[in-house]
Amino acid sequence: MTAKGGLFLFDQKVREEKGVSYIAGFDEAGRGPLAGPVATAGVVLPLTYHNDKINDSKKLTDKERRTLFDEIKKVALAYFVELVDVEIIDRINILEADRLGMEKCLRKILLKTRVDYIITDYMALHTTIPLLSIPKGDATSACVAAASILAKVTRDDYMIELDKKYPEYGFAKNKGYGTKAHLAALEEHGYIEGIHRASFEPIKSMSHGIQQLKLF
């Protein structure tokens, strides 16, 4: 696994080996939860930018992520974050929803800056731009790590706001993941149509006989 600081060295090595300059990194947050959208993000960092604190968002504290979130948005040549809603996730599946979100981010980024090369966290995109898809990309590449931070903070904030409307599900704490408390809330209150992912278990098996709460 690439250490902190090494994430930027990895990107620089890609530039040198591929003969490219502007790399766009893409990642997602929220692939596994039972509720809420999946957040996808793309980032193009300046060629000379370096910050050893940028790392896989899962390895950072909430405070660290939020500090870096603000900095990345300030220094990036271009960035975009897309929230792909539950209806789309249920219709085309979570993998394709991830891909759809990243491709929308790419189109937005291309309106602002040149992109010579793409690195993703194990996701192939429909594009003619050369692409490197690697497992654990957010722990390997600086631009992918930066994207993971933007996606994570954006989605966390969405779930925190959702918690204000549906406090019984504990979304501010569990972020929609299937924790013991969240599963207990589902058993007691039913699922929320338009917020819980109907194609995910155990929501899928709750479609009959469990009260549905309406999203207004």
N, C-alpha and C. Protein backbone atom coordinates (compact mmCIF):
# COMPACT_ATOMS: atom_id res chain seq x y z
N MET A 1 0.85 -1.19 0.00
CA MET A 1 0.00 0.00 0.00
C MET A 1 0.87 1.23 0.00
N THR A 2 0.49 2.23 -0.74
CA THR A 2 1.27 3.45 -0.85
C THR A 2 1.11 4.30 0.40
N ALA A 3 2.23 4.78 0.95
CA ALA A 3 2.19 5.60 2.15
C ALA A 3 1.80 7.03 1.81
N LYS A 4 1.46 7.80 2.85
CA LYS A 4 1.19 9.21 2.64
C LYS A 4 2.38 9.86 1.95
N GLY A 5 2.12 10.81 1.10
CA GLY A 5 3.21 11.42 0.35
C GLY A 5 3.50 10.63 -0.89
N GLY A 6 3.48 9.30 -0.75
CA GLY A 6 3.68 8.43 -1.89
C GLY A 6 2.55 8.50 -2.88
N LEU A 7 1.39 8.99 -2.44
CA LEU A 7 0.26 9.15 -3.33
C LEU A 7 0.58 10.15 -4.44
N PHE A 8 1.26 11.20 -4.08
CA PHE A 8 1.66 12.21 -5.08
C PHE A 8 2.80 11.68 -5.94
N LEU A 9 3.68 10.89 -5.35
CA LEU A 9 4.76 10.29 -6.13
C LEU A 9 4.19 9.31 -7.15
N PHE A 10 3.13 8.62 -6.78
CA PHE A 10 2.48 7.70 -7.70
C PHE A 10 1.94 8.46 -8.92
N ASP A 11 1.24 9.56 -8.66
CA ASP A 11 0.69 10.34 -9.76
C ASP A 11 1.80 10.91 -10.65
N GLN A 12 2.88 11.35 -10.02
CA GLN A 12 3.98 11.88 -10.80
C GLN A 12 4.62 10.79 -11.67
N LYS A 13 4.71 9.60 -11.13
CA LYS A 13 5.27 8.48 -11.89
C LYS A 13 4.39 8.17 -13.10
N VAL A 14 3.06 8.23 -12.91
CA VAL A 14 2.13 8.02 -14.01
C VAL A 14 2.35 9.08 -15.09
N ARG A 15 2.51 10.33 -14.68
CA ARG A 15 2.75 11.41 -15.65
C ARG A 15 4.00 11.13 -16.48
N GLU A 16 5.05 10.72 -15.79
CA GLU A 16 6.32 10.49 -16.47
C GLU A 16 6.25 9.28 -17.40
N GLU A 17 5.65 8.19 -16.92
CA GLU A 17 5.60 6.96 -17.72
C GLU A 17 4.65 7.07 -18.90
N LYS A 18 3.56 7.80 -18.72
CA LYS A 18 2.54 7.91 -19.78
C LYS A 18 2.74 9.16 -20.63
N GLY A 19 3.62 10.05 -20.21
CA GLY A 19 3.85 11.27 -20.97
C GLY A 19 2.65 12.20 -20.96
N VAL A 20 2.01 12.32 -19.80
CA VAL A 20 0.82 13.16 -19.66
C VAL A 20 1.05 14.21 -18.58
N SER A 21 0.15 15.17 -18.52
CA SER A 21 0.27 16.23 -17.52
C SER A 21 -0.94 16.28 -16.58
N TYR A 22 -2.12 16.42 -17.15
CA TYR A 22 -3.30 16.66 -16.32
C TYR A 22 -4.08 15.37 -16.07
N ILE A 23 -4.06 14.94 -14.81
CA ILE A 23 -4.71 13.69 -14.40
C ILE A 23 -5.98 14.00 -13.61
N ALA A 24 -7.06 13.35 -13.99
CA ALA A 24 -8.31 13.46 -13.24
C ALA A 24 -8.50 12.19 -12.43
N GLY A 25 -8.73 12.35 -11.13
CA GLY A 25 -8.97 11.20 -10.27
C GLY A 25 -10.45 11.11 -9.91
N PHE A 26 -10.97 9.87 -9.84
CA PHE A 26 -12.40 9.67 -9.56
C PHE A 26 -12.59 8.63 -8.47
N ASP A 27 -13.57 8.88 -7.60
CA ASP A 27 -13.91 7.91 -6.56
C ASP A 27 -15.35 8.12 -6.13
N GLU A 28 -15.82 7.23 -5.28
CA GLU A 28 -17.19 7.31 -4.80
C GLU A 28 -17.24 7.14 -3.28
N ALA A 29 -18.38 7.49 -2.71
CA ALA A 29 -18.66 7.24 -1.30
C ALA A 29 -20.10 6.79 -1.18
N GLY A 30 -20.33 5.73 -0.44
CA GLY A 30 -21.70 5.29 -0.22
C GLY A 30 -22.16 4.17 -1.12
N ARG A 31 -21.26 3.29 -1.52
CA ARG A 31 -21.68 2.17 -2.36
C ARG A 31 -22.45 1.14 -1.55
N GLY A 32 -22.09 0.94 -0.30
CA GLY A 32 -22.66 -0.15 0.49
C GLY A 32 -23.85 0.15 1.37
N PRO A 33 -24.17 1.40 1.68
CA PRO A 33 -25.28 1.68 2.60
C PRO A 33 -26.64 1.22 2.11
N LEU A 34 -27.56 1.10 3.05
CA LEU A 34 -28.93 0.71 2.75
C LEU A 34 -29.78 1.92 2.36
N ALA A 35 -29.27 3.12 2.64
CA ALA A 35 -30.06 4.32 2.40
C ALA A 35 -29.19 5.45 1.85
N GLY A 36 -29.85 6.36 1.15
CA GLY A 36 -29.18 7.54 0.65
C GLY A 36 -28.53 7.35 -0.71
N PRO A 37 -28.15 8.45 -1.34
CA PRO A 37 -27.53 8.39 -2.65
C PRO A 37 -26.10 7.90 -2.57
N VAL A 38 -25.53 7.59 -3.71
CA VAL A 38 -24.09 7.35 -3.79
C VAL A 38 -23.48 8.65 -4.31
N ALA A 39 -22.38 9.06 -3.71
CA ALA A 39 -21.69 10.28 -4.12
C ALA A 39 -20.47 9.92 -4.95
N THR A 40 -20.35 10.54 -6.11
CA THR A 40 -19.16 10.35 -6.95
C THR A 40 -18.49 11.70 -7.13
N ALA A 41 -17.16 11.66 -7.27
CA ALA A 41 -16.42 12.91 -7.41
C ALA A 41 -15.25 12.74 -8.34
N GLY A 42 -14.90 13.82 -9.00
CA GLY A 42 -13.72 13.86 -9.85
C GLY A 42 -12.91 15.11 -9.52
N VAL A 43 -11.58 14.99 -9.55
CA VAL A 43 -10.71 16.10 -9.20
C VAL A 43 -9.50 16.13 -10.13
N VAL A 44 -9.11 17.33 -10.56
CA VAL A 44 -7.84 17.53 -11.25
C VAL A 44 -7.01 18.48 -10.38
N LEU A 45 -5.91 17.99 -9.84
CA LEU A 45 -5.05 18.80 -8.99
C LEU A 45 -3.96 19.49 -9.81
N PRO A 46 -3.48 20.64 -9.36
CA PRO A 46 -2.39 21.32 -10.06
C PRO A 46 -1.13 20.45 -10.11
N LEU A 47 -0.34 20.60 -11.15
CA LEU A 47 0.85 19.77 -11.34
C LEU A 47 1.84 19.91 -10.20
N THR A 48 1.96 21.08 -9.62
CA THR A 48 2.96 21.32 -8.58
C THR A 48 2.40 21.21 -7.17
N TYR A 49 1.12 20.89 -7.06
CA TYR A 49 0.50 20.82 -5.73
C TYR A 49 0.93 19.56 -5.00
N HIS A 50 1.17 19.70 -3.69
CA HIS A 50 1.54 18.54 -2.86
C HIS A 50 1.07 18.79 -1.44
N ASN A 51 0.39 17.82 -0.88
CA ASN A 51 -0.07 17.90 0.51
C ASN A 51 -0.09 16.48 1.07
N ASP A 52 0.85 16.19 1.97
CA ASP A 52 0.98 14.86 2.52
C ASP A 52 -0.23 14.41 3.33
N LYS A 53 -1.09 15.35 3.70
CA LYS A 53 -2.26 14.99 4.50
C LYS A 53 -3.36 14.35 3.66
N ILE A 54 -3.31 14.54 2.37
CA ILE A 54 -4.34 13.94 1.51
C ILE A 54 -4.14 12.43 1.45
N ASN A 55 -5.18 11.71 1.77
CA ASN A 55 -5.12 10.25 1.83
C ASN A 55 -6.54 9.70 1.65
N ASP A 56 -6.64 8.40 1.57
CA ASP A 56 -7.93 7.71 1.53
C ASP A 56 -8.83 8.31 2.60
N SER A 57 -10.01 8.77 2.21
CA SER A 57 -10.91 9.45 3.15
C SER A 57 -11.25 8.60 4.36
N LYS A 58 -11.26 7.27 4.20
CA LYS A 58 -11.61 6.38 5.31
C LYS A 58 -10.53 6.37 6.39
N LYS A 59 -9.34 6.83 6.05
CA LYS A 59 -8.23 6.84 7.00
C LYS A 59 -8.08 8.18 7.71
N LEU A 60 -8.98 9.11 7.41
CA LEU A 60 -8.92 10.44 7.99
C LEU A 60 -10.05 10.65 8.99
N THR A 61 -9.84 11.52 9.95
CA THR A 61 -10.92 11.89 10.86
C THR A 61 -11.89 12.83 10.14
N ASP A 62 -13.05 13.00 10.71
CA ASP A 62 -14.03 13.90 10.11
C ASP A 62 -13.45 15.32 10.01
N LYS A 63 -12.76 15.76 11.04
CA LYS A 63 -12.17 17.10 11.03
C LYS A 63 -11.11 17.22 9.93
N GLU A 64 -10.27 16.20 9.80
CA GLU A 64 -9.25 16.22 8.76
C GLU A 64 -9.87 16.25 7.37
N ARG A 65 -10.91 15.44 7.17
CA ARG A 65 -11.58 15.41 5.87
C ARG A 65 -12.16 16.77 5.52
N ARG A 66 -12.78 17.43 6.49
CA ARG A 66 -13.44 18.69 6.22
C ARG A 66 -12.44 19.81 5.93
N THR A 67 -11.31 19.78 6.61
CA THR A 67 -10.25 20.76 6.32
C THR A 67 -9.72 20.56 4.91
N LEU A 68 -9.47 19.31 4.54
CA LEU A 68 -8.96 19.00 3.21
C LEU A 68 -10.03 19.25 2.14
N PHE A 69 -11.28 19.00 2.47
CA PHE A 69 -12.40 19.25 1.56
C PHE A 69 -12.36 20.71 1.08
N ASP A 70 -12.23 21.62 2.02
CA ASP A 70 -12.19 23.04 1.67
C ASP A 70 -10.94 23.38 0.85
N GLU A 71 -9.81 22.80 1.23
CA GLU A 71 -8.57 23.10 0.52
C GLU A 71 -8.59 22.56 -0.90
N ILE A 72 -9.05 21.33 -1.06
CA ILE A 72 -9.09 20.71 -2.40
C ILE A 72 -9.95 21.53 -3.34
N LYS A 73 -11.12 21.97 -2.87
CA LYS A 73 -11.99 22.78 -3.70
C LYS A 73 -11.33 24.11 -4.08
N LYS A 74 -10.51 24.62 -3.18
CA LYS A 74 -9.84 25.90 -3.43
C LYS A 74 -8.71 25.77 -4.44
N VAL A 75 -7.92 24.69 -4.34
CA VAL A 75 -6.71 24.59 -5.18
C VAL A 75 -6.94 23.83 -6.49
N ALA A 76 -7.99 23.01 -6.57
CA ALA A 76 -8.19 22.16 -7.74
C ALA A 76 -8.35 22.97 -9.02
N LEU A 77 -7.78 22.46 -10.10
CA LEU A 77 -7.99 23.07 -11.41
C LEU A 77 -9.44 22.89 -11.83
N ALA A 78 -10.01 21.78 -11.42
CA ALA A 78 -11.43 21.50 -11.66
C ALA A 78 -11.86 20.37 -10.75
N TYR A 79 -13.12 20.39 -10.34
CA TYR A 79 -13.69 19.30 -9.56
C TYR A 79 -15.20 19.30 -9.75
N PHE A 80 -15.81 18.15 -9.48
CA PHE A 80 -17.26 18.08 -9.51
C PHE A 80 -17.69 16.90 -8.66
N VAL A 81 -18.80 17.08 -7.94
CA VAL A 81 -19.37 16.01 -7.12
C VAL A 81 -20.81 15.79 -7.55
N GLU A 82 -21.16 14.55 -7.75
CA GLU A 82 -22.51 14.19 -8.18
C GLU A 82 -23.14 13.21 -7.19
N LEU A 83 -24.36 13.52 -6.75
CA LEU A 83 -25.13 12.60 -5.93
C LEU A 83 -26.12 11.86 -6.83
N VAL A 84 -25.96 10.55 -6.92
CA VAL A 84 -26.86 9.72 -7.74
C VAL A 84 -27.93 9.14 -6.82
N ASP A 85 -29.17 9.47 -7.09
CA ASP A 85 -30.21 9.16 -6.12
C ASP A 85 -30.62 7.69 -6.12
N VAL A 86 -31.40 7.37 -5.11
CA VAL A 86 -31.80 5.98 -4.84
C VAL A 86 -32.59 5.38 -5.99
N GLU A 87 -33.46 6.16 -6.61
CA GLU A 87 -34.27 5.65 -7.72
C GLU A 87 -33.38 5.12 -8.85
N ILE A 88 -32.31 5.84 -9.15
CA ILE A 88 -31.40 5.40 -10.20
C ILE A 88 -30.61 4.17 -9.75
N ILE A 89 -30.17 4.16 -8.49
CA ILE A 89 -29.45 3.00 -7.96
C ILE A 89 -30.30 1.75 -8.09
N ASP A 90 -31.56 1.85 -7.70
CA ASP A 90 -32.46 0.69 -7.76
C ASP A 90 -32.77 0.27 -9.20
N ARG A 91 -32.77 1.23 -10.12
CA ARG A 91 -33.12 0.92 -11.50
C ARG A 91 -31.97 0.29 -12.28
N ILE A 92 -30.74 0.80 -12.08
CA ILE A 92 -29.63 0.32 -12.92
C ILE A 92 -28.54 -0.42 -12.15
N ASN A 93 -28.64 -0.52 -10.86
CA ASN A 93 -27.74 -1.17 -9.90
C ASN A 93 -26.64 -0.22 -9.46
N ILE A 94 -26.04 -0.50 -8.32
CA ILE A 94 -25.11 0.42 -7.68
C ILE A 94 -23.83 0.60 -8.50
N LEU A 95 -23.35 -0.44 -9.14
CA LEU A 95 -22.13 -0.31 -9.94
C LEU A 95 -22.34 0.66 -11.10
N GLU A 96 -23.47 0.50 -11.81
CA GLU A 96 -23.75 1.38 -12.94
C GLU A 96 -24.08 2.79 -12.48
N ALA A 97 -24.66 2.92 -11.28
CA ALA A 97 -24.93 4.24 -10.73
C ALA A 97 -23.61 4.96 -10.43
N ASP A 98 -22.64 4.22 -9.90
CA ASP A 98 -21.30 4.77 -9.67
C ASP A 98 -20.70 5.27 -10.98
N ARG A 99 -20.77 4.42 -11.99
CA ARG A 99 -20.20 4.76 -13.29
C ARG A 99 -20.88 6.00 -13.89
N LEU A 100 -22.20 6.01 -13.81
CA LEU A 100 -22.98 7.13 -14.33
C LEU A 100 -22.58 8.43 -13.66
N GLY A 101 -22.44 8.39 -12.34
CA GLY A 101 -22.06 9.59 -11.60
C GLY A 101 -20.68 10.08 -11.96
N MET A 102 -19.72 9.15 -12.08
CA MET A 102 -18.36 9.54 -12.43
C MET A 102 -18.28 10.12 -13.84
N GLU A 103 -19.05 9.53 -14.74
CA GLU A 103 -19.03 10.04 -16.12
C GLU A 103 -19.64 11.43 -16.21
N LYS A 104 -20.64 11.70 -15.38
CA LYS A 104 -21.20 13.05 -15.34
C LYS A 104 -20.16 14.03 -14.78
N CYS A 105 -19.44 13.60 -13.73
CA CYS A 105 -18.38 14.44 -13.17
C CYS A 105 -17.32 14.73 -14.23
N LEU A 106 -16.95 13.72 -15.01
CA LEU A 106 -15.95 13.90 -16.05
C LEU A 106 -16.40 14.93 -17.07
N ARG A 107 -17.64 14.84 -17.51
CA ARG A 107 -18.14 15.80 -18.50
C ARG A 107 -18.09 17.23 -17.96
N LYS A 108 -18.42 17.39 -16.70
CA LYS A 108 -18.38 18.73 -16.08
C LYS A 108 -16.95 19.24 -15.98
N ILE A 109 -16.04 18.36 -15.61
CA ILE A 109 -14.64 18.74 -15.46
C ILE A 109 -14.04 19.15 -16.80
N LEU A 110 -14.41 18.44 -17.85
CA LEU A 110 -13.87 18.75 -19.18
C LEU A 110 -14.32 20.11 -19.70
N LEU A 111 -15.35 20.66 -19.11
CA LEU A 111 -15.78 22.00 -19.48
C LEU A 111 -14.87 23.06 -18.88
N LYS A 112 -14.06 22.65 -17.89
CA LYS A 112 -13.23 23.60 -17.15
C LYS A 112 -11.73 23.43 -17.39
N THR A 113 -11.30 22.23 -17.69
CA THR A 113 -9.86 22.02 -17.83
C THR A 113 -9.58 20.83 -18.75
N ARG A 114 -8.37 20.78 -19.20
CA ARG A 114 -7.91 19.65 -20.02
C ARG A 114 -7.66 18.44 -19.12
N VAL A 115 -7.96 17.27 -19.65
CA VAL A 115 -7.67 16.02 -18.95
C VAL A 115 -6.93 15.10 -19.91
N ASP A 116 -5.70 14.74 -19.56
CA ASP A 116 -4.89 13.86 -20.41
C ASP A 116 -5.01 12.39 -20.02
N TYR A 117 -5.35 12.16 -18.75
CA TYR A 117 -5.32 10.80 -18.23
C TYR A 117 -6.28 10.72 -17.05
N ILE A 118 -6.84 9.54 -16.84
CA ILE A 118 -7.80 9.33 -15.76
C ILE A 118 -7.33 8.17 -14.88
N ILE A 119 -7.47 8.35 -13.57
CA ILE A 119 -7.23 7.26 -12.62
C ILE A 119 -8.50 7.10 -11.79
N THR A 120 -8.98 5.87 -11.67
CA THR A 120 -10.18 5.62 -10.88
C THR A 120 -9.91 4.54 -9.85
N ASP A 121 -10.78 4.52 -8.85
CA ASP A 121 -10.73 3.46 -7.85
C ASP A 121 -11.52 2.26 -8.39
N TYR A 122 -10.85 1.52 -9.25
CA TYR A 122 -11.38 0.26 -9.79
C TYR A 122 -12.71 0.45 -10.52
N MET A 123 -12.75 1.44 -11.42
CA MET A 123 -13.96 1.69 -12.19
C MET A 123 -13.60 2.07 -13.62
N ALA A 124 -14.13 1.33 -14.58
CA ALA A 124 -13.93 1.66 -15.99
C ALA A 124 -15.01 2.64 -16.41
N LEU A 125 -14.62 3.66 -17.16
CA LEU A 125 -15.57 4.66 -17.65
C LEU A 125 -15.64 4.62 -19.17
N HIS A 126 -16.77 5.04 -19.70
CA HIS A 126 -16.91 5.14 -21.15
C HIS A 126 -16.30 6.45 -21.62
N THR A 127 -15.07 6.41 -22.06
CA THR A 127 -14.36 7.61 -22.48
C THR A 127 -13.21 7.21 -23.40
N THR A 128 -12.83 8.14 -24.25
CA THR A 128 -11.67 7.90 -25.12
C THR A 128 -10.37 8.34 -24.45
N ILE A 129 -10.47 8.98 -23.30
CA ILE A 129 -9.28 9.40 -22.56
C ILE A 129 -8.63 8.18 -21.92
N PRO A 130 -7.31 8.02 -22.04
CA PRO A 130 -6.64 6.87 -21.40
C PRO A 130 -6.96 6.80 -19.92
N LEU A 131 -7.19 5.59 -19.43
CA LEU A 131 -7.68 5.41 -18.06
C LEU A 131 -6.96 4.27 -17.37
N LEU A 132 -6.63 4.49 -16.11
CA LEU A 132 -6.04 3.46 -15.25
C LEU A 132 -7.01 3.18 -14.13
N SER A 133 -7.53 1.95 -14.07
CA SER A 133 -8.46 1.54 -13.02
C SER A 133 -7.71 0.63 -12.05
N ILE A 134 -7.58 1.06 -10.80
CA ILE A 134 -6.78 0.29 -9.85
C ILE A 134 -7.56 0.04 -8.56
N PRO A 135 -7.40 -1.14 -7.97
CA PRO A 135 -8.02 -1.39 -6.67
C PRO A 135 -7.36 -0.53 -5.61
N LYS A 136 -8.15 -0.09 -4.64
CA LYS A 136 -7.66 0.78 -3.57
C LYS A 136 -6.99 2.03 -4.14
N GLY A 137 -7.59 2.56 -5.18
CA GLY A 137 -7.04 3.76 -5.81
C GLY A 137 -6.96 4.93 -4.86
N ASP A 138 -7.92 5.01 -3.90
CA ASP A 138 -7.92 6.13 -2.97
C ASP A 138 -6.78 6.06 -1.96
N ALA A 139 -6.14 4.91 -1.86
CA ALA A 139 -4.98 4.76 -0.98
C ALA A 139 -3.69 4.70 -1.78
N THR A 140 -3.79 4.94 -3.09
CA THR A 140 -2.64 4.83 -3.98
C THR A 140 -2.33 6.12 -4.71
N SER A 141 -3.37 6.78 -5.22
CA SER A 141 -3.23 7.97 -6.05
C SER A 141 -3.76 9.20 -5.33
N ALA A 142 -3.00 10.30 -5.39
CA ALA A 142 -3.41 11.53 -4.71
C ALA A 142 -4.70 12.11 -5.29
N CYS A 143 -4.83 12.08 -6.61
CA CYS A 143 -6.04 12.68 -7.19
C CYS A 143 -7.27 11.83 -6.88
N VAL A 144 -7.12 10.53 -6.79
CA VAL A 144 -8.25 9.68 -6.41
C VAL A 144 -8.58 9.89 -4.94
N ALA A 145 -7.56 10.00 -4.09
CA ALA A 145 -7.79 10.27 -2.67
C ALA A 145 -8.52 11.59 -2.48
N ALA A 146 -8.13 12.61 -3.26
CA ALA A 146 -8.80 13.91 -3.19
C ALA A 146 -10.28 13.76 -3.57
N ALA A 147 -10.55 12.97 -4.60
CA ALA A 147 -11.94 12.73 -5.00
C ALA A 147 -12.70 12.00 -3.91
N SER A 148 -12.05 11.07 -3.25
CA SER A 148 -12.71 10.32 -2.17
C SER A 148 -13.11 11.23 -1.03
N ILE A 149 -12.29 12.24 -0.75
CA ILE A 149 -12.59 13.19 0.31
C ILE A 149 -13.80 14.05 -0.06
N LEU A 150 -13.83 14.55 -1.29
CA LEU A 150 -14.98 15.36 -1.73
C LEU A 150 -16.26 14.55 -1.69
N ALA A 151 -16.20 13.31 -2.15
CA ALA A 151 -17.39 12.46 -2.17
C ALA A 151 -17.87 12.13 -0.76
N LYS A 152 -16.94 11.78 0.11
CA LYS A 152 -17.29 11.38 1.48
C LYS A 152 -17.94 12.52 2.26
N VAL A 153 -17.33 13.69 2.24
CA VAL A 153 -17.87 14.82 3.00
C VAL A 153 -19.23 15.25 2.44
N THR A 154 -19.36 15.27 1.12
CA THR A 154 -20.63 15.65 0.51
C THR A 154 -21.74 14.69 0.92
N ARG A 155 -21.45 13.40 0.86
CA ARG A 155 -22.49 12.42 1.22
C ARG A 155 -22.79 12.46 2.72
N ASP A 156 -21.76 12.59 3.55
CA ASP A 156 -21.98 12.67 5.00
C ASP A 156 -22.91 13.83 5.33
N ASP A 157 -22.67 14.99 4.70
CA ASP A 157 -23.51 16.16 4.97
C ASP A 157 -24.95 15.93 4.53
N TYR A 158 -25.13 15.22 3.42
CA TYR A 158 -26.48 14.88 2.96
C TYR A 158 -27.20 14.03 4.01
N MET A 159 -26.50 13.03 4.54
CA MET A 159 -27.12 12.13 5.51
C MET A 159 -27.38 12.84 6.85
N ILE A 160 -26.51 13.77 7.21
CA ILE A 160 -26.72 14.55 8.43
C ILE A 160 -27.99 15.40 8.31
N GLU A 161 -28.20 15.99 7.14
CA GLU A 161 -29.42 16.76 6.91
C GLU A 161 -30.65 15.86 6.92
N LEU A 162 -30.50 14.66 6.35
CA LEU A 162 -31.61 13.71 6.31
C LEU A 162 -32.00 13.28 7.72
N ASP A 163 -31.03 13.20 8.59
CA ASP A 163 -31.27 12.80 9.98
C ASP A 163 -32.21 13.78 10.69
N LYS A 164 -32.15 15.05 10.29
CA LYS A 164 -33.00 16.05 10.91
C LYS A 164 -34.47 15.80 10.61
N LYS A 165 -34.74 15.19 9.46
CA LYS A 165 -36.12 14.91 9.07
C LYS A 165 -36.58 13.54 9.58
N TYR A 166 -35.64 12.59 9.65
CA TYR A 166 -35.97 11.24 10.10
C TYR A 166 -35.01 10.81 11.21
N PRO A 167 -35.08 11.42 12.38
CA PRO A 167 -34.12 11.14 13.45
C PRO A 167 -34.17 9.71 13.98
N GLU A 168 -35.32 9.06 13.79
CA GLU A 168 -35.47 7.70 14.33
C GLU A 168 -34.53 6.69 13.67
N TYR A 169 -33.98 7.03 12.50
CA TYR A 169 -33.09 6.09 11.79
C TYR A 169 -31.61 6.32 12.09
N GLY A 170 -31.28 7.41 12.75
CA GLY A 170 -29.89 7.66 13.13
C GLY A 170 -28.96 7.89 11.97
N PHE A 171 -29.44 8.51 10.90
CA PHE A 171 -28.62 8.68 9.70
C PHE A 171 -27.35 9.52 9.95
N ALA A 172 -27.41 10.46 10.88
CA ALA A 172 -26.23 11.29 11.15
C ALA A 172 -25.09 10.43 11.67
N LYS A 173 -25.44 9.36 12.37
CA LYS A 173 -24.42 8.48 12.95
C LYS A 173 -24.05 7.34 12.03
N ASN A 174 -25.06 6.67 11.46
CA ASN A 174 -24.75 5.47 10.66
C ASN A 174 -24.55 5.75 9.18
N LYS A 175 -24.88 6.97 8.72
CA LYS A 175 -24.72 7.38 7.32
C LYS A 175 -25.42 6.43 6.35
N GLY A 176 -26.44 5.74 6.85
CA GLY A 176 -27.22 4.85 5.99
C GLY A 176 -26.73 3.41 5.95
N TYR A 177 -25.61 3.12 6.61
CA TYR A 177 -25.11 1.75 6.62
C TYR A 177 -25.98 0.87 7.52
N GLY A 178 -25.89 -0.42 7.31
CA GLY A 178 -26.76 -1.36 8.02
C GLY A 178 -26.26 -1.72 9.40
N THR A 179 -26.15 -0.73 10.26
CA THR A 179 -25.73 -0.98 11.63
C THR A 179 -26.86 -1.68 12.39
N LYS A 180 -26.53 -2.19 13.56
CA LYS A 180 -27.53 -2.87 14.37
C LYS A 180 -28.69 -1.94 14.70
N ALA A 181 -28.37 -0.70 15.05
CA ALA A 181 -29.41 0.28 15.40
C ALA A 181 -30.26 0.64 14.18
N HIS A 182 -29.63 0.76 13.02
CA HIS A 182 -30.38 1.09 11.80
C HIS A 182 -31.33 -0.05 11.44
N LEU A 183 -30.84 -1.27 11.53
CA LEU A 183 -31.69 -2.43 11.22
C LEU A 183 -32.86 -2.52 12.19
N ALA A 184 -32.61 -2.19 13.45
CA ALA A 184 -33.69 -2.21 14.44
C ALA A 184 -34.73 -1.14 14.11
N ALA A 185 -34.27 0.03 13.64
CA ALA A 185 -35.20 1.09 13.26
C ALA A 185 -36.03 0.68 12.06
N LEU A 186 -35.42 -0.03 11.12
CA LEU A 186 -36.16 -0.51 9.95
C LEU A 186 -37.25 -1.50 10.38
N GLU A 187 -36.90 -2.35 11.33
CA GLU A 187 -37.86 -3.34 11.81
C GLU A 187 -39.04 -2.66 12.50
N GLU A 188 -38.75 -1.59 13.22
CA GLU A 188 -39.80 -0.89 13.97
C GLU A 188 -40.62 0.06 13.11
N HIS A 189 -39.95 0.80 12.24
CA HIS A 189 -40.63 1.88 11.52
C HIS A 189 -40.89 1.59 10.04
N GLY A 190 -40.27 0.55 9.49
CA GLY A 190 -40.37 0.32 8.06
C GLY A 190 -39.33 1.12 7.31
N TYR A 191 -39.31 0.98 6.00
CA TYR A 191 -38.32 1.73 5.22
C TYR A 191 -38.93 3.00 4.66
N ILE A 192 -38.08 3.93 4.28
CA ILE A 192 -38.54 5.20 3.74
C ILE A 192 -38.44 5.15 2.23
N GLU A 193 -39.56 5.19 1.58
CA GLU A 193 -39.58 5.15 0.12
C GLU A 193 -38.85 6.35 -0.45
N GLY A 194 -37.93 6.11 -1.37
CA GLY A 194 -37.16 7.17 -1.97
C GLY A 194 -35.87 7.48 -1.25
N ILE A 195 -35.68 6.88 -0.07
CA ILE A 195 -34.46 7.08 0.69
C ILE A 195 -33.74 5.76 0.93
N HIS A 196 -34.47 4.73 1.30
CA HIS A 196 -33.87 3.40 1.43
C HIS A 196 -33.82 2.73 0.05
N ARG A 197 -32.78 1.96 -0.17
CA ARG A 197 -32.56 1.32 -1.46
C ARG A 197 -33.37 0.02 -1.55
N ALA A 198 -34.43 0.06 -2.33
CA ALA A 198 -35.36 -1.07 -2.41
C ALA A 198 -34.74 -2.31 -3.03
N SER A 199 -33.63 -2.16 -3.75
CA SER A 199 -32.98 -3.30 -4.39
C SER A 199 -31.96 -3.97 -3.46
N PHE A 200 -31.74 -3.39 -2.27
CA PHE A 200 -30.78 -3.93 -1.31
C PHE A 200 -31.50 -4.73 -0.25
N GLU A 201 -30.89 -5.81 0.18
CA GLU A 201 -31.41 -6.54 1.34
C GLU A 201 -30.90 -5.85 2.61
N PRO A 202 -31.73 -5.84 3.70
CA PRO A 202 -33.03 -6.51 3.82
C PRO A 202 -34.22 -5.68 3.32
N ILE A 203 -33.96 -4.51 2.74
CA ILE A 203 -35.06 -3.67 2.27
C ILE A 203 -35.91 -4.42 1.25
N LYS A 204 -35.24 -5.12 0.35
CA LYS A 204 -35.94 -5.82 -0.72
C LYS A 204 -36.97 -6.80 -0.18
N SER A 205 -36.64 -7.47 0.90
CA SER A 205 -37.55 -8.45 1.49
C SER A 205 -38.62 -7.79 2.35
N MET A 206 -38.47 -6.51 2.61
CA MET A 206 -39.44 -5.78 3.42
C MET A 206 -40.51 -5.11 2.57
N SER A 207 -40.48 -5.33 1.28
CA SER A 207 -41.40 -4.62 0.38
C SER A 207 -42.86 -4.93 0.67
N HIS A 208 -43.14 -6.06 1.30
CA HIS A 208 -44.51 -6.42 1.62
C HIS A 208 -44.63 -6.61 3.13
N GLY A 209 -45.69 -6.04 3.68
CA GLY A 209 -45.98 -6.25 5.09
C GLY A 209 -45.28 -5.28 6.03
N ILE A 210 -44.44 -4.39 5.46
CA ILE A 210 -43.78 -3.38 6.30
C ILE A 210 -44.26 -2.00 5.85
N GLN A 211 -44.66 -1.22 6.82
CA GLN A 211 -45.18 0.12 6.50
C GLN A 211 -44.13 0.94 5.76
N GLN A 212 -44.55 1.60 4.70
CA GLN A 212 -43.68 2.49 3.96
C GLN A 212 -43.94 3.92 4.35
N LEU A 213 -42.90 4.66 4.67
CA LEU A 213 -43.02 6.07 4.98
C LEU A 213 -42.77 6.86 3.71
N LYS A 214 -43.54 7.88 3.47
CA LYS A 214 -43.43 8.65 2.23
C LYS A 214 -42.47 9.82 2.40
N LEU A 215 -41.68 10.06 1.39
CA LEU A 215 -40.78 11.21 1.38
C LEU A 215 -41.50 12.38 0.75
N PHE A 216 -41.66 13.47 1.49
CA PHE A 216 -42.36 14.65 0.97
C PHE A 216 -41.35 15.72 0.61
